[in-house]
Protein backbone atom coordinates (compact mmCIF):
# COMPACT_ATOMS: atom_id res chain seq x y z
CA MET A 1 0.06 -0.08 -0.10
CA ASP A 2 1.38 3.36 -1.10
CA ARG A 3 0.61 6.13 1.05
CA GLN A 4 0.62 9.74 -0.21
CA GLN A 5 2.79 11.79 2.09
CA THR A 6 0.64 14.60 3.42
CA PRO A 7 2.34 18.18 3.15
CA ASN A 8 4.08 19.43 6.24
CA ALA A 9 1.50 21.36 8.51
CA PRO A 10 1.88 25.04 8.10
CA PRO A 11 4.05 26.81 10.85
CA SER A 12 2.28 27.75 13.86
CA PRO A 13 0.95 31.33 13.85
CA PRO A 14 3.06 33.94 15.76
CA PRO A 15 1.83 34.93 19.09
CA VAL A 16 -1.08 37.22 19.24
CA HIS A 17 0.94 40.28 20.02
CA GLN A 18 3.67 39.62 17.46
CA ASP A 19 2.27 41.69 14.62
CA ASP A 20 1.82 44.69 16.98
CA ALA A 21 5.37 44.16 18.36
CA ASP A 22 6.72 44.37 14.78
CA GLU A 23 4.72 47.43 13.96
CA ASP A 24 5.52 49.27 17.20
CA ASP A 25 9.02 47.67 17.54
CA GLU A 26 10.65 51.00 18.61
CA THR A 27 7.99 51.64 21.39
CA VAL A 28 8.39 48.26 22.74
CA LYS A 29 12.16 48.59 22.74
CA GLN A 30 11.89 51.67 24.71
CA LEU A 31 10.14 49.91 27.48
CA ASN A 32 13.26 47.78 28.04
CA GLU A 33 12.44 45.35 30.96
CA CYS A 34 8.73 46.22 30.90
CA SER A 35 8.28 45.13 27.42
CA SER A 36 7.24 41.38 28.32
CA VAL A 37 4.69 43.05 30.76
CA TYR A 38 3.25 45.35 28.05
CA LEU A 39 3.08 42.53 25.61
CA SER A 40 1.25 40.47 28.29
CA LEU A 41 -1.20 43.38 28.67
CA GLN A 42 -1.79 43.54 24.94
CA ASP A 43 -2.46 39.73 24.84
CA CYS A 44 -5.02 40.10 27.61
CA LEU A 45 -6.74 43.02 25.75
CA ILE A 46 -6.99 41.07 22.70
CA LYS A 47 -8.36 38.04 24.37
CA SER A 48 -10.81 40.13 26.38
CA ASP A 49 -12.13 42.34 23.45
CA ARG A 50 -10.25 45.35 24.89
CA ASN A 51 -11.91 44.99 28.36
CA TRP A 52 -9.65 46.87 30.64
CA ARG A 53 -11.36 45.59 33.78
CA VAL A 54 -10.52 41.89 32.89
CA CYS A 55 -6.84 43.01 32.51
CA GLN A 56 -6.28 44.92 35.80
CA LYS A 57 -3.55 42.44 36.84
CA GLU A 58 -1.50 43.20 33.72
CA VAL A 59 -2.35 46.95 33.83
CA GLN A 60 -1.13 47.06 37.52
CA ALA A 61 2.03 45.03 36.68
CA LEU A 62 2.84 47.40 33.80
CA LYS A 63 2.29 50.43 36.05
CA ALA A 64 4.56 48.97 38.85
CA CYS A 65 7.16 48.07 36.27
CA ASN A 66 7.15 51.49 34.84
CA GLU A 67 7.42 53.14 38.25
CA ARG A 68 10.43 51.03 39.13
CA ARG A 69 12.12 51.87 35.74
CA GLN A 70 11.52 55.56 36.31
CA LYS A 71 12.86 55.41 39.88
CA ASP A 72 15.91 53.40 38.80
CA LYS A 73 16.42 56.19 36.15
CA ARG A 74 16.52 58.87 38.59
CA SER A 75 18.88 57.08 41.09
């Protein structure tokens, strides 16, 4: 029995925020250590249909990260 080989599965899609990160690459780079927190917030907002109330954990994490970054900058 000859089996036809199925074509390789298409590559998995990039993470939800990948396109945004590519477009806003400079903005994301400026966030330095907060960039992963920012991208997590973007993922949450996409998954929740831009419902900020659902994403408060991520909002607060980004706020805290940014405050730490600003404090370190001044020191």
